[in-house]
Amino acid sequence: MFDGRPTLSFQGISFPIAEAAMELEAARLLVYKAAWMADRIYVERGGP
């Protein structure tokens, strides 16, 4: 709280936090896709 308002009500604070959350979610999805692709290649080649 600052000046009686929640901290996230200030655009200067909330926009960078929202952008960081978006980048984190994008990174997580990239990892999921990379793992899925690696697993798919592994299965197609018959495993060990």
N, C-alpha and C. Protein backbone atom coordinates (compact mmCIF):
# COMPACT_ATOMS: atom_id res chain seq x y z
N MET A 1 0.84 -1.18 0.00
CA MET A 1 0.00 0.00 0.00
C MET A 1 0.89 1.25 0.00
N PHE A 2 0.49 2.18 -0.79
CA PHE A 2 1.17 3.47 -0.83
C PHE A 2 0.11 4.54 -1.01
N ASP A 3 0.08 5.49 -0.11
CA ASP A 3 -0.87 6.58 -0.18
C ASP A 3 -2.31 6.06 -0.17
N GLY A 4 -2.54 4.95 0.53
CA GLY A 4 -3.88 4.38 0.62
C GLY A 4 -4.33 3.57 -0.57
N ARG A 5 -3.45 3.39 -1.55
CA ARG A 5 -3.81 2.62 -2.76
C ARG A 5 -2.92 1.38 -2.85
N PRO A 6 -3.45 0.29 -3.40
CA PRO A 6 -2.61 -0.90 -3.61
C PRO A 6 -1.45 -0.58 -4.55
N THR A 7 -0.30 -1.18 -4.28
CA THR A 7 0.89 -0.91 -5.08
C THR A 7 0.66 -1.19 -6.56
N LEU A 8 -0.07 -2.25 -6.90
CA LEU A 8 -0.27 -2.61 -8.30
C LEU A 8 -1.23 -1.67 -9.03
N SER A 9 -1.84 -0.74 -8.33
CA SER A 9 -2.71 0.21 -9.02
C SER A 9 -1.91 1.29 -9.75
N PHE A 10 -0.61 1.35 -9.51
CA PHE A 10 0.25 2.31 -10.19
C PHE A 10 0.80 1.68 -11.46
N GLN A 11 0.61 2.34 -12.60
CA GLN A 11 1.03 1.78 -13.89
C GLN A 11 2.53 1.55 -13.94
N GLY A 12 3.31 2.43 -13.33
CA GLY A 12 4.76 2.29 -13.35
C GLY A 12 5.24 1.01 -12.69
N ILE A 13 4.44 0.46 -11.82
CA ILE A 13 4.77 -0.80 -11.14
C ILE A 13 4.09 -1.98 -11.83
N SER A 14 2.83 -1.82 -12.18
CA SER A 14 2.07 -2.97 -12.67
C SER A 14 2.49 -3.39 -14.08
N PHE A 15 2.86 -2.46 -14.95
CA PHE A 15 3.25 -2.85 -16.31
C PHE A 15 4.52 -3.70 -16.32
N PRO A 16 5.60 -3.30 -15.63
CA PRO A 16 6.78 -4.18 -15.62
C PRO A 16 6.50 -5.55 -15.01
N ILE A 17 5.65 -5.61 -13.99
CA ILE A 17 5.32 -6.90 -13.39
C ILE A 17 4.53 -7.75 -14.37
N ALA A 18 3.60 -7.14 -15.10
CA ALA A 18 2.82 -7.88 -16.09
C ALA A 18 3.71 -8.37 -17.22
N GLU A 19 4.66 -7.54 -17.66
CA GLU A 19 5.58 -7.96 -18.72
C GLU A 19 6.46 -9.11 -18.26
N ALA A 20 6.94 -9.05 -17.02
CA ALA A 20 7.77 -10.13 -16.49
C ALA A 20 6.96 -11.43 -16.40
N ALA A 21 5.71 -11.34 -15.98
CA ALA A 21 4.86 -12.53 -15.91
C ALA A 21 4.63 -13.11 -17.30
N MET A 22 4.45 -12.24 -18.29
CA MET A 22 4.24 -12.70 -19.66
C MET A 22 5.50 -13.40 -20.19
N GLU A 23 6.67 -12.82 -19.93
CA GLU A 23 7.91 -13.44 -20.39
C GLU A 23 8.16 -14.77 -19.69
N LEU A 24 7.82 -14.86 -18.43
CA LEU A 24 7.97 -16.12 -17.70
C LEU A 24 7.07 -17.20 -18.28
N GLU A 25 5.83 -16.85 -18.59
CA GLU A 25 4.91 -17.82 -19.19
C GLU A 25 5.38 -18.24 -20.57
N ALA A 26 5.91 -17.30 -21.36
CA ALA A 26 6.43 -17.63 -22.69
C ALA A 26 7.62 -18.58 -22.57
N ALA A 27 8.50 -18.34 -21.60
CA ALA A 27 9.65 -19.22 -21.40
C ALA A 27 9.20 -20.62 -21.00
N ARG A 28 8.20 -20.69 -20.13
CA ARG A 28 7.68 -21.99 -19.70
C ARG A 28 7.11 -22.76 -20.89
N LEU A 29 6.36 -22.07 -21.75
CA LEU A 29 5.78 -22.73 -22.91
C LEU A 29 6.86 -23.19 -23.89
N LEU A 30 7.94 -22.42 -24.03
CA LEU A 30 9.05 -22.84 -24.89
C LEU A 30 9.71 -24.11 -24.36
N VAL A 31 9.86 -24.19 -23.05
CA VAL A 31 10.45 -25.40 -22.45
C VAL A 31 9.54 -26.60 -22.68
N TYR A 32 8.23 -26.41 -22.49
CA TYR A 32 7.28 -27.51 -22.74
C TYR A 32 7.35 -27.98 -24.19
N LYS A 33 7.41 -27.04 -25.12
CA LYS A 33 7.45 -27.42 -26.53
C LYS A 33 8.77 -28.13 -26.86
N ALA A 34 9.88 -27.63 -26.33
CA ALA A 34 11.17 -28.28 -26.58
C ALA A 34 11.18 -29.70 -26.02
N ALA A 35 10.62 -29.89 -24.83
CA ALA A 35 10.56 -31.23 -24.24
C ALA A 35 9.66 -32.14 -25.06
N TRP A 36 8.53 -31.62 -25.53
CA TRP A 36 7.62 -32.41 -26.36
C TRP A 36 8.31 -32.82 -27.65
N MET A 37 9.03 -31.88 -28.29
CA MET A 37 9.72 -32.19 -29.54
C MET A 37 10.82 -33.22 -29.32
N ALA A 38 11.58 -33.08 -28.23
CA ALA A 38 12.64 -34.05 -27.94
C ALA A 38 12.05 -35.43 -27.70
N ASP A 39 10.95 -35.50 -26.98
CA ASP A 39 10.30 -36.78 -26.71
C ASP A 39 9.78 -37.40 -28.00
N ARG A 40 9.22 -36.58 -28.84
CA ARG A 40 8.68 -37.07 -30.12
C ARG A 40 9.79 -37.65 -31.00
N ILE A 41 10.91 -36.97 -31.08
CA ILE A 41 12.04 -37.47 -31.87
C ILE A 41 12.55 -38.78 -31.27
N TYR A 42 12.63 -38.83 -29.93
CA TYR A 42 13.11 -40.02 -29.25
C TYR A 42 12.21 -41.22 -29.56
N VAL A 43 10.91 -41.02 -29.51
CA VAL A 43 9.96 -42.11 -29.78
C VAL A 43 10.02 -42.53 -31.24
N GLU A 44 10.10 -41.57 -32.16
CA GLU A 44 10.14 -41.89 -33.59
C GLU A 44 11.39 -42.69 -33.95
N ARG A 45 12.48 -42.46 -33.24
CA ARG A 45 13.72 -43.17 -33.54
C ARG A 45 13.83 -44.49 -32.79
N GLY A 46 12.83 -44.82 -32.01
CA GLY A 46 12.81 -46.13 -31.37
C GLY A 46 13.39 -46.18 -29.98
N GLY A 47 13.77 -45.08 -29.41
CA GLY A 47 14.32 -45.08 -28.05
C GLY A 47 15.69 -45.73 -28.00
N PRO A 48 16.10 -46.17 -26.80
CA PRO A 48 17.46 -46.74 -26.65
C PRO A 48 17.60 -48.12 -27.24
